[in-house]
Amino acid sequence: MPSNRQRLILKTAAATLVVAGLAAAAAGAVVLRAGWYDISATSLHLQPVYTLLESGMHYSVRRHAREIAAPQLGDARQVALGAALYRDNCVQCHGAPGVAQSPIGQSMQPLPGPLVDASKRWKPQELYWITRHGIKMSGMPAWEFHMNEDELWAVVAFVQTLPRLSARGYAEATAAPPREAAR
């Protein structure tokens, strides 16, 4: 059993933490209500805000995608369909080997990341979840309303091939007309 002095120290520490938390919440509310935090698309988030949002996004995607079972990926027809879909829907924001983001993609905040290395950072089911559901307040749309399951997985299959593609390889992969997925 702690002594009276130890209990006093613990109570003081707990009260200090509570008061500090309330002060931080009050300061955050003042900054929020006063409109001092710049939310314009022409300025970057402060690093702590960016880090917090990025970490939260990673945790959320991993949690929501863990129950998804990825089908067999990499069939030539599937990758060809994914290439056409990527060309028509993704390259303007994310770019590709030998293709810069369009001015629209370059003007977004947060700036859409290049997907050339996405398969190193995300599992296929996580890429699928992101492609299907999008990411709030990032400009990444929910493609589930525009693509069927086969098309969503085809995009994932193609994104997995991006690290191996040169600029010429990307141009060749996306030169074919778009193919229809089985609906």
C-alpha atoms as a PDB file:
ATOM      1  CA  MET A   1       0.000   0.000   0.000  1.00  0.00           C
ATOM      2  CA  PRO A   2       1.464   3.404  -1.009  1.00  0.00           C
ATOM      3  CA  SER A   3       2.331   5.908   1.644  1.00  0.00           C
ATOM      4  CA  ASN A   4       0.491   9.230   1.964  1.00  0.00           C
ATOM      5  CA  ARG A   5       3.364  10.964   0.165  1.00  0.00           C
ATOM      6  CA  GLN A   6       3.233   8.488  -2.740  1.00  0.00           C
ATOM      7  CA  ARG A   7      -0.569   8.861  -3.016  1.00  0.00           C
ATOM      8  CA  LEU A   8      -0.165  12.656  -3.085  1.00  0.00           C
ATOM      9  CA  ILE A   9       2.425  12.373  -5.862  1.00  0.00           C
ATOM     10  CA  LEU A  10       0.166  10.024  -7.879  1.00  0.00           C
ATOM     11  CA  LYS A  11      -2.858  12.296  -7.408  1.00  0.00           C
ATOM     12  CA  THR A  12      -0.805  15.349  -8.408  1.00  0.00           C
ATOM     13  CA  ALA A  13       0.515  13.569 -11.515  1.00  0.00           C
ATOM     14  CA  ALA A  14      -2.977  12.434 -12.498  1.00  0.00           C
ATOM     15  CA  ALA A  15      -4.449  15.907 -11.929  1.00  0.00           C
ATOM     16  CA  THR A  16      -1.607  17.468 -13.947  1.00  0.00           C
ATOM     17  CA  LEU A  17      -2.274  15.100 -16.858  1.00  0.00           C
ATOM     18  CA  VAL A  18      -6.014  15.836 -16.754  1.00  0.00           C
ATOM     19  CA  VAL A  19      -5.447  19.610 -16.629  1.00  0.00           C
ATOM     20  CA  ALA A  20      -2.852  19.421 -19.435  1.00  0.00           C
ATOM     21  CA  GLY A  21      -5.256  17.357 -21.564  1.00  0.00           C
ATOM     22  CA  LEU A  22      -8.087  19.806 -20.986  1.00  0.00           C
ATOM     23  CA  ALA A  23      -5.792  22.746 -21.785  1.00  0.00           C
ATOM     24  CA  ALA A  24      -4.671  21.066 -25.028  1.00  0.00           C
ATOM     25  CA  ALA A  25      -8.284  20.344 -25.990  1.00  0.00           C
ATOM     26  CA  ALA A  26      -9.252  23.953 -25.236  1.00  0.00           C
ATOM     27  CA  ALA A  27      -6.323  25.276 -27.278  1.00  0.00           C
ATOM     28  CA  GLY A  28      -7.288  22.969 -30.156  1.00  0.00           C
ATOM     29  CA  ALA A  29     -10.892  24.171 -29.971  1.00  0.00           C
ATOM     30  CA  VAL A  30      -9.739  27.814 -30.086  1.00  0.00           C
ATOM     31  CA  VAL A  31      -7.525  27.145 -33.128  1.00  0.00           C
ATOM     32  CA  LEU A  32     -10.376  25.276 -34.820  1.00  0.00           C
ATOM     33  CA  ARG A  33     -13.124  27.781 -34.054  1.00  0.00           C
ATOM     34  CA  ALA A  34     -10.944  30.783 -34.910  1.00  0.00           C
ATOM     35  CA  GLY A  35     -10.136  29.291 -38.318  1.00  0.00           C
ATOM     36  CA  TRP A  36      -6.400  29.694 -37.748  1.00  0.00           C
ATOM     37  CA  TYR A  37      -5.477  26.335 -39.251  1.00  0.00           C
ATOM     38  CA  ASP A  38      -5.068  26.783 -43.006  1.00  0.00           C
ATOM     39  CA  ILE A  39      -7.080  24.092 -44.797  1.00  0.00           C
ATOM     40  CA  SER A  40      -6.494  25.461 -48.288  1.00  0.00           C
ATOM     41  CA  ALA A  41      -5.350  23.078 -50.984  1.00  0.00           C
ATOM     42  CA  THR A  42      -2.428  25.396 -51.748  1.00  0.00           C
ATOM     43  CA  SER A  43      -0.648  24.782 -48.439  1.00  0.00           C
ATOM     44  CA  LEU A  44       0.626  21.575 -46.914  1.00  0.00           C
ATOM     45  CA  HIS A  45      -0.502  20.219 -43.568  1.00  0.00           C
ATOM     46  CA  LEU A  46       1.817  20.822 -40.646  1.00  0.00           C
ATOM     47  CA  GLN A  47       4.042  17.761 -40.239  1.00  0.00           C
ATOM     48  CA  PRO A  48       2.367  16.531 -37.018  1.00  0.00           C
ATOM     49  CA  VAL A  49      -1.065  16.765 -38.673  1.00  0.00           C
ATOM     50  CA  TYR A  50       0.163  14.985 -41.803  1.00  0.00           C
ATOM     51  CA  THR A  51       1.824  12.254 -39.718  1.00  0.00           C
ATOM     52  CA  LEU A  52      -1.317  11.734 -37.646  1.00  0.00           C
ATOM     53  CA  LEU A  53      -3.594  11.532 -40.706  1.00  0.00           C
ATOM     54  CA  GLU A  54      -1.194   9.272 -42.628  1.00  0.00           C
ATOM     55  CA  SER A  55      -0.806   6.904 -39.672  1.00  0.00           C
ATOM     56  CA  GLY A  56      -4.561   6.777 -39.139  1.00  0.00           C
ATOM     57  CA  MET A  57      -5.111   5.984 -42.808  1.00  0.00           C
ATOM     58  CA  HIS A  58      -2.609   3.101 -42.706  1.00  0.00           C
ATOM     59  CA  TYR A  59      -4.150   1.615 -39.543  1.00  0.00           C
ATOM     60  CA  SER A  60      -7.670   1.941 -40.951  1.00  0.00           C
ATOM     61  CA  VAL A  61      -6.855   0.348 -44.320  1.00  0.00           C
ATOM     62  CA  ARG A  62      -5.031  -2.553 -42.695  1.00  0.00           C
ATOM     63  CA  ARG A  63      -7.915  -3.166 -40.282  1.00  0.00           C
ATOM     64  CA  HIS A  64     -10.655  -3.018 -42.904  1.00  0.00           C
ATOM     65  CA  ALA A  65      -8.772  -5.068 -45.507  1.00  0.00           C
ATOM     66  CA  ARG A  66      -7.713  -7.967 -43.290  1.00  0.00           C
ATOM     67  CA  GLU A  67     -10.866 -10.018 -44.007  1.00  0.00           C
ATOM     68  CA  ILE A  68     -10.578  -9.646 -47.792  1.00  0.00           C
ATOM     69  CA  ALA A  69      -9.332 -12.696 -49.667  1.00  0.00           C
ATOM     70  CA  ALA A  70      -7.382 -11.740 -52.754  1.00  0.00           C
ATOM     71  CA  PRO A  71      -8.070 -13.849 -55.841  1.00  0.00           C
ATOM     72  CA  GLN A  72      -5.309 -15.164 -58.062  1.00  0.00           C
ATOM     73  CA  LEU A  73      -3.739 -12.097 -59.669  1.00  0.00           C
ATOM     74  CA  GLY A  74      -1.494 -11.660 -62.673  1.00  0.00           C
ATOM     75  CA  ASP A  75      -3.325 -13.336 -65.544  1.00  0.00           C
ATOM     76  CA  ALA A  76      -2.334 -11.573 -68.794  1.00  0.00           C
ATOM     77  CA  ARG A  77      -5.931 -10.614 -69.661  1.00  0.00           C
ATOM     78  CA  GLN A  78      -6.520  -9.320 -66.138  1.00  0.00           C
ATOM     79  CA  VAL A  79      -3.356  -7.200 -66.252  1.00  0.00           C
ATOM     80  CA  ALA A  80      -4.285  -5.872 -69.717  1.00  0.00           C
ATOM     81  CA  LEU A  81      -7.712  -4.843 -68.429  1.00  0.00           C
ATOM     82  CA  GLY A  82      -6.080  -3.253 -65.379  1.00  0.00           C
ATOM     83  CA  ALA A  83      -3.671  -1.335 -67.628  1.00  0.00           C
ATOM     84  CA  ALA A  84      -6.544   0.139 -69.625  1.00  0.00           C
ATOM     85  CA  LEU A  85      -8.478   1.025 -66.470  1.00  0.00           C
ATOM     86  CA  TYR A  86      -5.379   2.565 -64.885  1.00  0.00           C
ATOM     87  CA  ARG A  87      -4.740   4.608 -68.034  1.00  0.00           C
ATOM     88  CA  ASP A  88      -8.335   5.834 -68.123  1.00  0.00           C
ATOM     89  CA  ASN A  89      -8.899   6.458 -64.404  1.00  0.00           C
ATOM     90  CA  CYS A  90      -5.685   6.608 -62.363  1.00  0.00           C
ATOM     91  CA  VAL A  91      -2.730   7.990 -64.300  1.00  0.00           C
ATOM     92  CA  GLN A  92      -3.959  11.591 -64.282  1.00  0.00           C
ATOM     93  CA  CYS A  93      -3.605  11.757 -60.475  1.00  0.00           C
ATOM     94  CA  HIS A  94      -0.904   9.167 -59.743  1.00  0.00           C
ATOM     95  CA  GLY A  95       1.287   9.260 -62.845  1.00  0.00           C
ATOM     96  CA  ALA A  96       3.080   6.186 -64.194  1.00  0.00           C
ATOM     97  CA  PRO A  97       6.498   5.192 -65.516  1.00  0.00           C
ATOM     98  CA  GLY A  98       7.349   7.942 -67.997  1.00  0.00           C
ATOM     99  CA  VAL A  99       4.071   9.804 -67.358  1.00  0.00           C
ATOM    100  CA  ALA A 100       3.855  12.735 -64.956  1.00  0.00           C
ATOM    101  CA  GLN A 101       0.736  13.533 -62.991  1.00  0.00           C
ATOM    102  CA  SER A 102      -1.661  15.824 -64.809  1.00  0.00           C
ATOM    103  CA  PRO A 103      -2.012  19.420 -63.612  1.00  0.00           C
ATOM    104  CA  ILE A 104      -5.149  18.315 -61.714  1.00  0.00           C
ATOM    105  CA  GLY A 105      -3.182  15.638 -59.830  1.00  0.00           C
ATOM    106  CA  GLN A 106      -0.349  18.087 -59.157  1.00  0.00           C
ATOM    107  CA  SER A 107      -2.742  20.603 -57.624  1.00  0.00           C
ATOM    108  CA  MET A 108      -4.295  18.198 -55.107  1.00  0.00           C
ATOM    109  CA  GLN A 109      -3.549  18.274 -51.381  1.00  0.00           C
ATOM    110  CA  PRO A 110      -2.478  15.879 -50.193  1.00  0.00           C
ATOM    111  CA  LEU A 111      -0.554  15.205 -53.376  1.00  0.00           C
ATOM    112  CA  PRO A 112      -1.554  11.764 -54.723  1.00  0.00           C
ATOM    113  CA  GLY A 113       1.387   9.455 -54.322  1.00  0.00           C
ATOM    114  CA  PRO A 114       2.958   7.610 -57.210  1.00  0.00           C
ATOM    115  CA  LEU A 115       1.762   4.020 -57.384  1.00  0.00           C
ATOM    116  CA  VAL A 116       4.960   2.627 -58.878  1.00  0.00           C
ATOM    117  CA  ASP A 117       5.984   1.372 -55.425  1.00  0.00           C
ATOM    118  CA  ALA A 118       2.493   0.844 -53.956  1.00  0.00           C
ATOM    119  CA  SER A 119       2.812  -2.937 -54.068  1.00  0.00           C
ATOM    120  CA  LYS A 120       5.847  -2.695 -51.788  1.00  0.00           C
ATOM    121  CA  ARG A 121       3.879  -0.722 -49.193  1.00  0.00           C
ATOM    122  CA  TRP A 122       0.474  -2.417 -49.435  1.00  0.00           C
ATOM    123  CA  LYS A 123      -0.806  -5.982 -49.694  1.00  0.00           C
ATOM    124  CA  PRO A 124      -3.119  -6.775 -52.640  1.00  0.00           C
ATOM    125  CA  GLN A 125      -6.233  -6.811 -50.420  1.00  0.00           C
ATOM    126  CA  GLU A 126      -5.243  -3.391 -49.030  1.00  0.00           C
ATOM    127  CA  LEU A 127      -4.797  -1.967 -52.535  1.00  0.00           C
ATOM    128  CA  TYR A 128      -8.179  -3.435 -53.419  1.00  0.00           C
ATOM    129  CA  TRP A 129      -9.809  -1.864 -50.334  1.00  0.00           C
ATOM    130  CA  ILE A 130      -8.301   1.553 -51.121  1.00  0.00           C
ATOM    131  CA  THR A 131      -9.346   1.330 -54.773  1.00  0.00           C
ATOM    132  CA  ARG A 132     -12.843   0.175 -53.897  1.00  0.00           C
ATOM    133  CA  HIS A 133     -13.617   2.524 -50.996  1.00  0.00           C
ATOM    134  CA  GLY A 134     -11.355   5.532 -51.626  1.00  0.00           C
ATOM    135  CA  ILE A 135      -9.826   7.705 -48.912  1.00  0.00           C
ATOM    136  CA  LYS A 136     -11.757  10.543 -47.271  1.00  0.00           C
ATOM    137  CA  MET A 137     -10.493  14.084 -47.799  1.00  0.00           C
ATOM    138  CA  SER A 138      -7.715  12.965 -50.135  1.00  0.00           C
ATOM    139  CA  GLY A 139      -9.388  13.159 -53.523  1.00  0.00           C
ATOM    140  CA  MET A 140      -9.169   9.351 -53.886  1.00  0.00           C
ATOM    141  CA  PRO A 141     -12.641   8.324 -55.068  1.00  0.00           C
ATOM    142  CA  ALA A 142     -14.513   5.162 -54.192  1.00  0.00           C
ATOM    143  CA  TRP A 143     -14.283   3.225 -57.451  1.00  0.00           C
ATOM    144  CA  GLU A 144     -16.864   0.644 -56.315  1.00  0.00           C
ATOM    145  CA  PHE A 145     -19.499   2.872 -57.911  1.00  0.00           C
ATOM    146  CA  HIS A 146     -17.733   2.875 -61.294  1.00  0.00           C
ATOM    147  CA  MET A 147     -16.022  -0.529 -61.515  1.00  0.00           C
ATOM    148  CA  ASN A 148     -17.160  -4.068 -60.893  1.00  0.00           C
ATOM    149  CA  GLU A 149     -15.212  -6.610 -58.816  1.00  0.00           C
ATOM    150  CA  ASP A 150     -13.242  -7.965 -61.774  1.00  0.00           C
ATOM    151  CA  GLU A 151     -12.219  -4.466 -62.795  1.00  0.00           C
ATOM    152  CA  LEU A 152     -11.186  -3.502 -59.255  1.00  0.00           C
ATOM    153  CA  TRP A 153      -8.990  -6.573 -58.955  1.00  0.00           C
ATOM    154  CA  ALA A 154      -7.612  -5.959 -62.465  1.00  0.00           C
ATOM    155  CA  VAL A 155      -6.421  -2.515 -61.363  1.00  0.00           C
ATOM    156  CA  VAL A 156      -4.729  -4.110 -58.341  1.00  0.00           C
ATOM    157  CA  ALA A 157      -3.094  -6.714 -60.607  1.00  0.00           C
ATOM    158  CA  PHE A 158      -1.789  -3.971 -62.888  1.00  0.00           C
ATOM    159  CA  VAL A 159      -0.525  -1.813 -59.997  1.00  0.00           C
ATOM    160  CA  GLN A 160       1.496  -4.818 -58.888  1.00  0.00           C
ATOM    161  CA  THR A 161       3.247  -4.849 -62.281  1.00  0.00           C
ATOM    162  CA  LEU A 162       4.174  -1.136 -62.194  1.00  0.00           C
ATOM    163  CA  PRO A 163       7.535  -1.591 -60.409  1.00  0.00           C
ATOM    164  CA  ARG A 164       8.729  -3.795 -63.271  1.00  0.00           C
ATOM    165  CA  LEU A 165       7.615  -1.454 -66.067  1.00  0.00           C
ATOM    166  CA  SER A 166       9.825   1.040 -67.842  1.00  0.00           C
ATOM    167  CA  ALA A 167       8.317   4.095 -69.505  1.00  0.00           C
ATOM    168  CA  ARG A 168       8.266   2.144 -72.774  1.00  0.00           C
ATOM    169  CA  GLY A 169       6.712  -0.898 -71.074  1.00  0.00           C
ATOM    170  CA  TYR A 170       3.966   1.262 -69.591  1.00  0.00           C
ATOM    171  CA  ALA A 171       3.266   2.864 -72.980  1.00  0.00           C
ATOM    172  CA  GLU A 172       3.014  -0.563 -74.596  1.00  0.00           C
ATOM    173  CA  ALA A 173       0.791  -1.959 -71.806  1.00  0.00           C
ATOM    174  CA  THR A 174      -1.654   0.928 -72.072  1.00  0.00           C
ATOM    175  CA  ALA A 175      -1.670   1.318 -75.853  1.00  0.00           C
ATOM    176  CA  ALA A 176      -4.383  -1.293 -76.372  1.00  0.00           C
ATOM    177  CA  PRO A 177      -8.002  -0.155 -76.291  1.00  0.00           C
ATOM    178  CA  PRO A 178      -9.838  -0.773 -73.023  1.00  0.00           C
ATOM    179  CA  ARG A 179     -11.328  -4.220 -72.651  1.00  0.00           C
ATOM    180  CA  GLU A 180     -14.616  -4.981 -71.017  1.00  0.00           C
ATOM    181  CA  ALA A 181     -14.662  -7.065 -67.858  1.00  0.00           C
ATOM    182  CA  ALA A 182     -17.288  -9.724 -67.450  1.00  0.00           C
ATOM    183  CA  ARG A 183     -20.169  -8.117 -65.598  1.00  0.00           C
END
